[in-house]
């Protein structure tokens, strides 16, 4: 069992190092991550909302976000939902691998 609050803070710290290459700002400050929840089992659930419905870097940015969260000690699984993007379903499927 993991303390969800501690793990949530670790995930947010790690996500703050993921930089949107178009703006130079991290994905947390840009509010691209929504509804972040962490369970005692280490399951991290969140929504990724690209900066626009046609965001040209949504796919590589989403992969960077997924990989960053996976590196946090205590994370056992991720459930990512892409919202507000023209190909949200396809990208969500890609992220599930």
PDB file of N, CA and C in Angstrom:
ATOM      1  N   UNK A   1       0.828  -1.187   0.000  1.00  0.00           N
ATOM      2  CA  UNK A   1       0.000   0.000   0.000  1.00  0.00           C
ATOM      3  C   UNK A   1       0.875   1.255   0.000  1.00  0.00           C
ATOM      4  N   UNK A   2       0.389   2.243  -0.702  1.00  0.00           N
ATOM      5  CA  UNK A   2       1.105   3.505  -0.835  1.00  0.00           C
ATOM      6  C   UNK A   2       0.211   4.627  -0.329  1.00  0.00           C
ATOM      7  N   UNK A   3       0.810   5.632   0.290  1.00  0.00           N
ATOM      8  CA  UNK A   3       0.029   6.796   0.700  1.00  0.00           C
ATOM      9  C   UNK A   3      -0.340   7.579  -0.561  1.00  0.00           C
ATOM     10  N   UNK A   4      -1.630   7.651  -0.885  1.00  0.00           N
ATOM     11  CA  UNK A   4      -2.051   8.310  -2.119  1.00  0.00           C
ATOM     12  C   UNK A   4      -1.627   9.771  -2.210  1.00  0.00           C
ATOM     13  N   UNK A   5      -1.654  10.483  -1.085  1.00  0.00           N
ATOM     14  CA  UNK A   5      -1.281  11.907  -1.119  1.00  0.00           C
ATOM     15  C   UNK A   5       0.196  12.094  -1.431  1.00  0.00           C
ATOM     16  N   UNK A   6       1.025  11.270  -0.821  1.00  0.00           N
ATOM     17  CA  UNK A   6       2.460  11.340  -1.079  1.00  0.00           C
ATOM     18  C   UNK A   6       2.763  10.987  -2.527  1.00  0.00           C
ATOM     19  N   UNK A   7       2.132   9.939  -3.019  1.00  0.00           N
ATOM     20  CA  UNK A   7       2.354   9.529  -4.404  1.00  0.00           C
ATOM     21  C   UNK A   7       1.832  10.590  -5.372  1.00  0.00           C
ATOM     22  N   UNK A   8       0.700  11.179  -5.067  1.00  0.00           N
ATOM     23  CA  UNK A   8       0.142  12.232  -5.926  1.00  0.00           C
ATOM     24  C   UNK A   8       1.124  13.402  -6.031  1.00  0.00           C
ATOM     25  N   UNK A   9       1.702  13.793  -4.913  1.00  0.00           N
ATOM     26  CA  UNK A   9       2.682  14.893  -4.926  1.00  0.00           C
ATOM     27  C   UNK A   9       3.919  14.513  -5.747  1.00  0.00           C
ATOM     28  N   UNK A  10       4.358  13.264  -5.639  1.00  0.00           N
ATOM     29  CA  UNK A  10       5.514  12.807  -6.416  1.00  0.00           C
ATOM     30  C   UNK A  10       5.198  12.823  -7.913  1.00  0.00           C
ATOM     31  N   UNK A  11       3.984  12.416  -8.262  1.00  0.00           N
ATOM     32  CA  UNK A  11       3.574  12.435  -9.671  1.00  0.00           C
ATOM     33  C   UNK A  11       3.541  13.867 -10.181  1.00  0.00           C
ATOM     34  N   UNK A  12       2.982  14.782  -9.405  1.00  0.00           N
ATOM     35  CA  UNK A  12       2.928  16.187  -9.828  1.00  0.00           C
ATOM     36  C   UNK A  12       4.328  16.778  -9.982  1.00  0.00           C
ATOM     37  N   UNK A  13       5.222  16.437  -9.064  1.00  0.00           N
ATOM     38  CA  UNK A  13       6.609  16.924  -9.190  1.00  0.00           C
ATOM     39  C   UNK A  13       7.239  16.426 -10.480  1.00  0.00           C
ATOM     40  N   UNK A  14       7.021  15.134 -10.764  1.00  0.00           N
ATOM     41  CA  UNK A  14       7.601  14.563 -11.992  1.00  0.00           C
ATOM     42  C   UNK A  14       6.969  15.191 -13.224  1.00  0.00           C
ATOM     43  N   UNK A  15       5.669  15.395 -13.215  1.00  0.00           N
ATOM     44  CA  UNK A  15       4.993  16.012 -14.360  1.00  0.00           C
ATOM     45  C   UNK A  15       5.442  17.454 -14.580  1.00  0.00           C
ATOM     46  N   UNK A  16       5.837  18.115 -13.518  1.00  0.00           N
ATOM     47  CA  UNK A  16       6.281  19.509 -13.679  1.00  0.00           C
ATOM     48  C   UNK A  16       7.608  19.601 -14.428  1.00  0.00           C
ATOM     49  N   UNK A  17       8.246  18.455 -14.665  1.00  0.00           N
ATOM     50  CA  UNK A  17       9.476  18.456 -15.455  1.00  0.00           C
ATOM     51  C   UNK A  17       9.209  18.147 -16.937  1.00  0.00           C
ATOM     52  N   UNK A  18       7.949  17.858 -17.279  1.00  0.00           N
ATOM     53  CA  UNK A  18       7.580  17.605 -18.678  1.00  0.00           C
ATOM     54  C   UNK A  18       7.207  18.950 -19.295  1.00  0.00           C
ATOM     55  N   UNK A  19       8.011  19.379 -20.242  1.00  0.00           N
ATOM     56  CA  UNK A  19       7.866  20.706 -20.834  1.00  0.00           C
ATOM     57  C   UNK A  19       7.211  20.620 -22.204  1.00  0.00           C
ATOM     58  N   UNK A  20       6.217  21.472 -22.418  1.00  0.00           N
ATOM     59  CA  UNK A  20       5.609  21.610 -23.741  1.00  0.00           C
ATOM     60  C   UNK A  20       6.625  22.350 -24.614  1.00  0.00           C
ATOM     61  N   UNK A  21       7.142  21.698 -25.656  1.00  0.00           N
ATOM     62  CA  UNK A  21       8.197  22.331 -26.461  1.00  0.00           C
ATOM     63  C   UNK A  21       7.738  23.588 -27.210  1.00  0.00           C
ATOM     64  N   UNK A  22       6.458  23.728 -27.426  1.00  0.00           N
ATOM     65  CA  UNK A  22       5.970  24.920 -28.129  1.00  0.00           C
ATOM     66  C   UNK A  22       5.937  26.143 -27.234  1.00  0.00           C
ATOM     67  N   UNK A  23       5.701  25.945 -25.934  1.00  0.00           N
ATOM     68  CA  UNK A  23       5.571  27.082 -25.019  1.00  0.00           C
ATOM     69  C   UNK A  23       6.738  27.205 -24.045  1.00  0.00           C
ATOM     70  N   UNK A  24       7.445  26.107 -23.810  1.00  0.00           N
ATOM     71  CA  UNK A  24       8.518  26.118 -22.826  1.00  0.00           C
ATOM     72  C   UNK A  24       8.007  26.070 -21.391  1.00  0.00           C
ATOM     73  N   UNK A  25       6.718  25.756 -21.223  1.00  0.00           N
ATOM     74  CA  UNK A  25       6.093  25.706 -19.906  1.00  0.00           C
ATOM     75  C   UNK A  25       5.737  24.256 -19.591  1.00  0.00           C
ATOM     76  N   UNK A  26       5.821  23.901 -18.297  1.00  0.00           N
ATOM     77  CA  UNK A  26       5.525  22.511 -17.939  1.00  0.00           C
ATOM     78  C   UNK A  26       4.023  22.236 -18.018  1.00  0.00           C
ATOM     79  N   UNK A  27       3.698  20.945 -18.170  1.00  0.00           N
ATOM     80  CA  UNK A  27       2.307  20.529 -18.397  1.00  0.00           C
ATOM     81  C   UNK A  27       1.414  20.754 -17.185  1.00  0.00           C
ATOM     82  N   UNK A  28       1.995  20.842 -15.987  1.00  0.00           N
ATOM     83  CA  UNK A  28       1.194  21.118 -14.796  1.00  0.00           C
ATOM     84  C   UNK A  28       0.775  22.588 -14.802  1.00  0.00           C
ATOM     85  N   UNK A  29       1.714  23.475 -15.005  1.00  0.00           N
ATOM     86  CA  UNK A  29       1.384  24.911 -15.040  1.00  0.00           C
ATOM     87  C   UNK A  29       0.462  25.249 -16.189  1.00  0.00           C
ATOM     88  N   UNK A  30       0.561  24.520 -17.296  1.00  0.00           N
ATOM     89  CA  UNK A  30      -0.327  24.765 -18.434  1.00  0.00           C
ATOM     90  C   UNK A  30      -1.718  24.162 -18.212  1.00  0.00           C
ATOM     91  N   UNK A  31      -1.858  23.401 -17.129  1.00  0.00           N
ATOM     92  CA  UNK A  31      -3.131  22.743 -16.788  1.00  0.00           C
ATOM     93  C   UNK A  31      -3.576  21.764 -17.872  1.00  0.00           C
ATOM     94  N   UNK A  32      -2.623  21.017 -18.402  1.00  0.00           N
ATOM     95  CA  UNK A  32      -2.933  19.989 -19.393  1.00  0.00           C
ATOM     96  C   UNK A  32      -3.308  18.670 -18.723  1.00  0.00           C
ATOM     97  N   UNK A  33      -3.060  18.568 -17.416  1.00  0.00           N
ATOM     98  CA  UNK A  33      -3.399  17.374 -16.650  1.00  0.00           C
ATOM     99  C   UNK A  33      -4.597  17.723 -15.766  1.00  0.00           C
ATOM    100  N   UNK A  34      -5.658  16.932 -15.883  1.00  0.00           N
ATOM    101  CA  UNK A  34      -6.876  17.204 -15.123  1.00  0.00           C
ATOM    102  C   UNK A  34      -7.282  15.968 -14.325  1.00  0.00           C
ATOM    103  N   UNK A  35      -7.990  16.207 -13.233  1.00  0.00           N
ATOM    104  CA  UNK A  35      -8.611  15.141 -12.427  1.00  0.00           C
ATOM    105  C   UNK A  35      -7.622  14.050 -12.015  1.00  0.00           C
ATOM    106  N   UNK A  36      -6.451  14.459 -11.551  1.00  0.00           N
ATOM    107  CA  UNK A  36      -5.425  13.506 -11.128  1.00  0.00           C
ATOM    108  C   UNK A  36      -5.847  12.832  -9.829  1.00  0.00           C
ATOM    109  N   UNK A  37      -5.944  11.507  -9.871  1.00  0.00           N
ATOM    110  CA  UNK A  37      -6.297  10.710  -8.702  1.00  0.00           C
ATOM    111  C   UNK A  37      -5.288   9.586  -8.548  1.00  0.00           C
ATOM    112  N   UNK A  38      -4.984   9.254  -7.301  1.00  0.00           N
ATOM    113  CA  UNK A  38      -4.043   8.176  -7.008  1.00  0.00           C
ATOM    114  C   UNK A  38      -4.665   7.269  -5.959  1.00  0.00           C
ATOM    115  N   UNK A  39      -4.614   5.969  -6.199  1.00  0.00           N
ATOM    116  CA  UNK A  39      -5.172   5.008  -5.241  1.00  0.00           C
ATOM    117  C   UNK A  39      -4.074   4.479  -4.328  1.00  0.00           C
ATOM    118  N   UNK A  40      -4.491   3.809  -3.268  1.00  0.00           N
ATOM    119  CA  UNK A  40      -3.540   3.185  -2.347  1.00  0.00           C
ATOM    120  C   UNK A  40      -2.739   2.088  -3.030  1.00  0.00           C
ATOM    121  N   UNK A  41      -3.278   1.539  -4.107  1.00  0.00           N
ATOM    122  CA  UNK A  41      -2.590   0.479  -4.851  1.00  0.00           C
ATOM    123  C   UNK A  41      -1.591   1.042  -5.857  1.00  0.00           C
ATOM    124  N   UNK A  42      -1.498   2.363  -5.956  1.00  0.00           N
ATOM    125  CA  UNK A  42      -0.545   2.973  -6.875  1.00  0.00           C
ATOM    126  C   UNK A  42      -1.091   3.202  -8.271  1.00  0.00           C
ATOM    127  N   UNK A  43      -2.403   3.101  -8.437  1.00  0.00           N
ATOM    128  CA  UNK A  43      -3.016   3.358  -9.742  1.00  0.00           C
ATOM    129  C   UNK A  43      -3.228   4.864  -9.879  1.00  0.00           C
ATOM    130  N   UNK A  44      -2.707   5.424 -10.967  1.00  0.00           N
ATOM    131  CA  UNK A  44      -2.810   6.857 -11.223  1.00  0.00           C
ATOM    132  C   UNK A  44      -3.797   7.063 -12.371  1.00  0.00           C
ATOM    133  N   UNK A  45      -4.831   7.847 -12.101  1.00  0.00           N
ATOM    134  CA  UNK A  45      -5.844   8.160 -13.119  1.00  0.00           C
ATOM    135  C   UNK A  45      -5.811   9.658 -13.379  1.00  0.00           C
ATOM    136  N   UNK A  46      -5.863  10.025 -14.650  1.00  0.00           N
ATOM    137  CA  UNK A  46      -5.897  11.445 -14.990  1.00  0.00           C
ATOM    138  C   UNK A  46      -6.351  11.633 -16.430  1.00  0.00           C
ATOM    139  N   UNK A  47      -6.685  12.875 -16.721  1.00  0.00           N
ATOM    140  CA  UNK A  47      -7.048  13.257 -18.081  1.00  0.00           C
ATOM    141  C   UNK A  47      -5.948  14.149 -18.624  1.00  0.00           C
ATOM    142  N   UNK A  48      -5.642  13.945 -19.897  1.00  0.00           N
ATOM    143  CA  UNK A  48      -4.706  14.813 -20.606  1.00  0.00           C
ATOM    144  C   UNK A  48      -5.512  15.602 -21.619  1.00  0.00           C
ATOM    145  N   UNK A  49      -5.443  16.931 -21.510  1.00  0.00           N
ATOM    146  CA  UNK A  49      -6.143  17.805 -22.429  1.00  0.00           C
ATOM    147  C   UNK A  49      -5.093  18.622 -23.190  1.00  0.00           C
ATOM    148  N   UNK A  50      -4.825  18.252 -24.454  1.00  0.00           N
ATOM    149  CA  UNK A  50      -3.873  19.047 -25.247  1.00  0.00           C
ATOM    150  C   UNK A  50      -4.306  20.506 -25.302  1.00  0.00           C
ATOM    151  N   UNK A  51      -3.371  21.371 -25.604  1.00  0.00           N
ATOM    152  CA  UNK A  51      -3.643  22.807 -25.581  1.00  0.00           C
ATOM    153  C   UNK A  51      -4.655  23.252 -26.629  1.00  0.00           C
ATOM    154  N   UNK A  52      -4.876  22.429 -27.634  1.00  0.00           N
ATOM    155  CA  UNK A  52      -5.917  22.735 -28.622  1.00  0.00           C
ATOM    156  C   UNK A  52      -6.418  21.425 -29.220  1.00  0.00           C
ATOM    157  N   UNK A  53      -7.622  21.429 -29.804  1.00  0.00           N
ATOM    158  CA  UNK A  53      -8.154  20.201 -30.404  1.00  0.00           C
ATOM    159  C   UNK A  53      -7.294  19.658 -31.548  1.00  0.00           C
ATOM    160  N   UNK A  54      -6.500  20.523 -32.151  1.00  0.00           N
ATOM    161  CA  UNK A  54      -5.644  20.114 -33.271  1.00  0.00           C
ATOM    162  C   UNK A  54      -4.165  20.198 -32.913  1.00  0.00           C
ATOM    163  N   UNK A  55      -3.851  20.132 -31.650  1.00  0.00           N
ATOM    164  CA  UNK A  55      -2.468  20.278 -31.168  1.00  0.00           C
ATOM    165  C   UNK A  55      -1.514  19.381 -31.966  1.00  0.00           C
ATOM    166  N   UNK A  56      -0.527  19.977 -32.651  1.00  0.00           N
ATOM    167  CA  UNK A  56       0.367  19.181 -33.491  1.00  0.00           C
ATOM    168  C   UNK A  56       1.331  18.285 -32.719  1.00  0.00           C
ATOM    169  N   UNK A  57       1.513  18.554 -31.430  1.00  0.00           N
ATOM    170  CA  UNK A  57       2.455  17.738 -30.646  1.00  0.00           C
ATOM    171  C   UNK A  57       1.759  16.906 -29.583  1.00  0.00           C
ATOM    172  N   UNK A  58       0.454  16.715 -29.725  1.00  0.00           N
ATOM    173  CA  UNK A  58      -0.303  15.975 -28.702  1.00  0.00           C
ATOM    174  C   UNK A  58       0.238  14.564 -28.490  1.00  0.00           C
ATOM    175  N   UNK A  59       0.562  13.871 -29.560  1.00  0.00           N
ATOM    176  CA  UNK A  59       1.007  12.478 -29.419  1.00  0.00           C
ATOM    177  C   UNK A  59       2.346  12.400 -28.692  1.00  0.00           C
ATOM    178  N   UNK A  60       3.405  13.091 -29.152  1.00  0.00           N
ATOM    179  CA  UNK A  60       4.668  12.975 -28.412  1.00  0.00           C
ATOM    180  C   UNK A  60       4.579  13.526 -26.992  1.00  0.00           C
ATOM    181  N   UNK A  61       3.779  14.561 -26.789  1.00  0.00           N
ATOM    182  CA  UNK A  61       3.632  15.105 -25.439  1.00  0.00           C
ATOM    183  C   UNK A  61       2.916  14.106 -24.529  1.00  0.00           C
ATOM    184  N   UNK A  62       1.874  13.462 -25.030  1.00  0.00           N
ATOM    185  CA  UNK A  62       1.154  12.451 -24.247  1.00  0.00           C
ATOM    186  C   UNK A  62       2.069  11.288 -23.883  1.00  0.00           C
ATOM    187  N   UNK A  63       2.894  10.865 -24.827  1.00  0.00           N
ATOM    188  CA  UNK A  63       3.832   9.769 -24.548  1.00  0.00           C
ATOM    189  C   UNK A  63       4.850  10.180 -23.492  1.00  0.00           C
ATOM    190  N   UNK A  64       5.313  11.422 -23.553  1.00  0.00           N
ATOM    191  CA  UNK A  64       6.257  11.924 -22.545  1.00  0.00           C
ATOM    192  C   UNK A  64       5.619  11.965 -21.162  1.00  0.00           C
ATOM    193  N   UNK A  65       4.361  12.375 -21.120  1.00  0.00           N
ATOM    194  CA  UNK A  65       3.636  12.421 -19.849  1.00  0.00           C
ATOM    195  C   UNK A  65       3.487  11.009 -19.286  1.00  0.00           C
ATOM    196  N   UNK A  66       3.045  10.082 -20.118  1.00  0.00           N
ATOM    197  CA  UNK A  66       2.872   8.703 -19.678  1.00  0.00           C
ATOM    198  C   UNK A  66       4.193   8.127 -19.154  1.00  0.00           C
ATOM    199  N   UNK A  67       5.274   8.349 -19.898  1.00  0.00           N
ATOM    200  CA  UNK A  67       6.570   7.812 -19.498  1.00  0.00           C
ATOM    201  C   UNK A  67       7.060   8.439 -18.197  1.00  0.00           C
ATOM    202  N   UNK A  68       6.814   9.736 -18.027  1.00  0.00           N
ATOM    203  CA  UNK A  68       7.244  10.418 -16.806  1.00  0.00           C
ATOM    204  C   UNK A  68       6.515   9.854 -15.585  1.00  0.00           C
ATOM    205  N   UNK A  69       5.221   9.666 -15.705  1.00  0.00           N
ATOM    206  CA  UNK A  69       4.451   9.121 -14.586  1.00  0.00           C
ATOM    207  C   UNK A  69       4.904   7.696 -14.276  1.00  0.00           C
ATOM    208  N   UNK A  70       5.202   6.921 -15.307  1.00  0.00           N
ATOM    209  CA  UNK A  70       5.633   5.536 -15.109  1.00  0.00           C
ATOM    210  C   UNK A  70       6.941   5.456 -14.322  1.00  0.00           C
ATOM    211  N   UNK A  71       7.756   6.499 -14.380  1.00  0.00           N
ATOM    212  CA  UNK A  71       9.051   6.509 -13.681  1.00  0.00           C
ATOM    213  C   UNK A  71       8.921   6.770 -12.183  1.00  0.00           C
ATOM    214  N   UNK A  72       7.759   7.226 -11.736  1.00  0.00           N
ATOM    215  CA  UNK A  72       7.588   7.558 -10.316  1.00  0.00           C
ATOM    216  C   UNK A  72       7.466   6.271  -9.505  1.00  0.00           C
ATOM    217  N   UNK A  73       8.310   6.168  -8.504  1.00  0.00           N
ATOM    218  CA  UNK A  73       8.297   4.983  -7.644  1.00  0.00           C
ATOM    219  C   UNK A  73       6.956   4.874  -6.937  1.00  0.00           C
ATOM    220  N   UNK A  74       6.352   3.698  -7.013  1.00  0.00           N
ATOM    221  CA  UNK A  74       5.065   3.462  -6.380  1.00  0.00           C
ATOM    222  C   UNK A  74       3.907   3.424  -7.360  1.00  0.00           C
ATOM    223  N   UNK A  75       4.120   3.925  -8.574  1.00  0.00           N
ATOM    224  CA  UNK A  75       3.066   3.872  -9.589  1.00  0.00           C
ATOM    225  C   UNK A  75       3.022   2.457 -10.151  1.00  0.00           C
ATOM    226  N   UNK A  76       1.855   1.839 -10.050  1.00  0.00           N
ATOM    227  CA  UNK A  76       1.709   0.467 -10.532  1.00  0.00           C
ATOM    228  C   UNK A  76       1.011   0.400 -11.882  1.00  0.00           C
ATOM    229  N   UNK A  77       0.168   1.397 -12.151  1.00  0.00           N
ATOM    230  CA  UNK A  77      -0.581   1.419 -13.404  1.00  0.00           C
ATOM    231  C   UNK A  77      -1.117   2.822 -13.637  1.00  0.00           C
ATOM    232  N   UNK A  78      -1.353   3.135 -14.918  1.00  0.00           N
ATOM    233  CA  UNK A  78      -1.941   4.421 -15.265  1.00  0.00           C
ATOM    234  C   UNK A  78      -3.220   4.206 -16.053  1.00  0.00           C
ATOM    235  N   UNK A  79      -4.183   5.068 -15.809  1.00  0.00           N
ATOM    236  CA  UNK A  79      -5.403   5.116 -16.601  1.00  0.00           C
ATOM    237  C   UNK A  79      -5.512   6.538 -17.118  1.00  0.00           C
ATOM    238  N   UNK A  80      -5.223   6.687 -18.414  1.00  0.00           N
ATOM    239  CA  UNK A  80      -5.151   8.010 -19.028  1.00  0.00           C
ATOM    240  C   UNK A  80      -6.314   8.166 -19.998  1.00  0.00           C
ATOM    241  N   UNK A  81      -7.001   9.277 -19.875  1.00  0.00           N
ATOM    242  CA  UNK A  81      -8.059   9.605 -20.824  1.00  0.00           C
ATOM    243  C   UNK A  81      -7.682  10.913 -21.507  1.00  0.00           C
ATOM    244  N   UNK A  82      -7.666  10.894 -22.824  1.00  0.00           N
ATOM    245  CA  UNK A  82      -7.390  12.111 -23.581  1.00  0.00           C
ATOM    246  C   UNK A  82      -8.723  12.786 -23.874  1.00  0.00           C
ATOM    247  N   UNK A  83      -8.798  14.077 -23.602  1.00  0.00           N
ATOM    248  CA  UNK A  83     -10.030  14.835 -23.820  1.00  0.00           C
ATOM    249  C   UNK A  83      -9.714  16.115 -24.586  1.00  0.00           C
ATOM    250  N   UNK A  84     -10.717  16.609 -25.313  1.00  0.00           N
ATOM    251  CA  UNK A  84     -10.568  17.887 -25.999  1.00  0.00           C
ATOM    252  C   UNK A  84      -9.621  17.860 -27.176  1.00  0.00           C
ATOM    253  N   UNK A  85      -9.457  16.696 -27.785  1.00  0.00           N
ATOM    254  CA  UNK A  85      -8.532  16.536 -28.902  1.00  0.00           C
ATOM    255  C   UNK A  85      -9.268  15.816 -30.014  1.00  0.00           C
ATOM    256  N   UNK A  86      -9.028  16.201 -31.238  1.00  0.00           N
ATOM    257  CA  UNK A  86      -9.778  15.667 -32.375  1.00  0.00           C
ATOM    258  C   UNK A  86      -9.646  14.145 -32.512  1.00  0.00           C
ATOM    259  N   UNK A  87      -8.504  13.597 -32.127  1.00  0.00           N
ATOM    260  CA  UNK A  87      -8.303  12.145 -32.197  1.00  0.00           C
ATOM    261  C   UNK A  87      -8.114  11.568 -30.796  1.00  0.00           C
ATOM    262  N   UNK A  88      -8.951  12.018 -29.867  1.00  0.00           N
ATOM    263  CA  UNK A  88      -8.814  11.624 -28.465  1.00  0.00           C
ATOM    264  C   UNK A  88      -8.916  10.119 -28.270  1.00  0.00           C
ATOM    265  N   UNK A  89      -9.864   9.473 -28.928  1.00  0.00           N
ATOM    266  CA  UNK A  89     -10.032   8.025 -28.745  1.00  0.00           C
ATOM    267  C   UNK A  89      -8.819   7.256 -29.220  1.00  0.00           C
ATOM    268  N   UNK A  90      -8.293   7.628 -30.389  1.00  0.00           N
ATOM    269  CA  UNK A  90      -7.117   6.943 -30.932  1.00  0.00           C
ATOM    270  C   UNK A  90      -5.904   7.140 -30.034  1.00  0.00           C
ATOM    271  N   UNK A  91      -5.727   8.365 -29.533  1.00  0.00           N
ATOM    272  CA  UNK A  91      -4.577   8.635 -28.681  1.00  0.00           C
ATOM    273  C   UNK A  91      -4.730   7.920 -27.340  1.00  0.00           C
ATOM    274  N   UNK A  92      -5.922   7.882 -26.800  1.00  0.00           N
ATOM    275  CA  UNK A  92      -6.156   7.145 -25.543  1.00  0.00           C
ATOM    276  C   UNK A  92      -5.803   5.672 -25.729  1.00  0.00           C
ATOM    277  N   UNK A  93      -6.197   5.093 -26.868  1.00  0.00           N
ATOM    278  CA  UNK A  93      -5.874   3.696 -27.149  1.00  0.00           C
ATOM    279  C   UNK A  93      -4.364   3.489 -27.255  1.00  0.00           C
ATOM    280  N   UNK A  94      -3.667   4.398 -27.900  1.00  0.00           N
ATOM    281  CA  UNK A  94      -2.211   4.321 -28.039  1.00  0.00           C
ATOM    282  C   UNK A  94      -1.548   4.345 -26.662  1.00  0.00           C
ATOM    283  N   UNK A  95      -2.025   5.198 -25.790  1.00  0.00           N
ATOM    284  CA  UNK A  95      -1.431   5.342 -24.461  1.00  0.00           C
ATOM    285  C   UNK A  95      -1.658   4.097 -23.608  1.00  0.00           C
ATOM    286  N   UNK A  96      -2.739   3.395 -23.866  1.00  0.00           N
ATOM    287  CA  UNK A  96      -2.980   2.146 -23.126  1.00  0.00           C
ATOM    288  C   UNK A  96      -2.052   1.041 -23.591  1.00  0.00           C
ATOM    289  N   UNK A  97      -1.491   1.231 -24.788  1.00  0.00           N
ATOM    290  CA  UNK A  97      -0.511   0.309 -25.339  1.00  0.00           C
ATOM    291  C   UNK A  97      -1.064  -1.024 -25.635  1.00  0.00           C
TER     292      UNK A  97
END
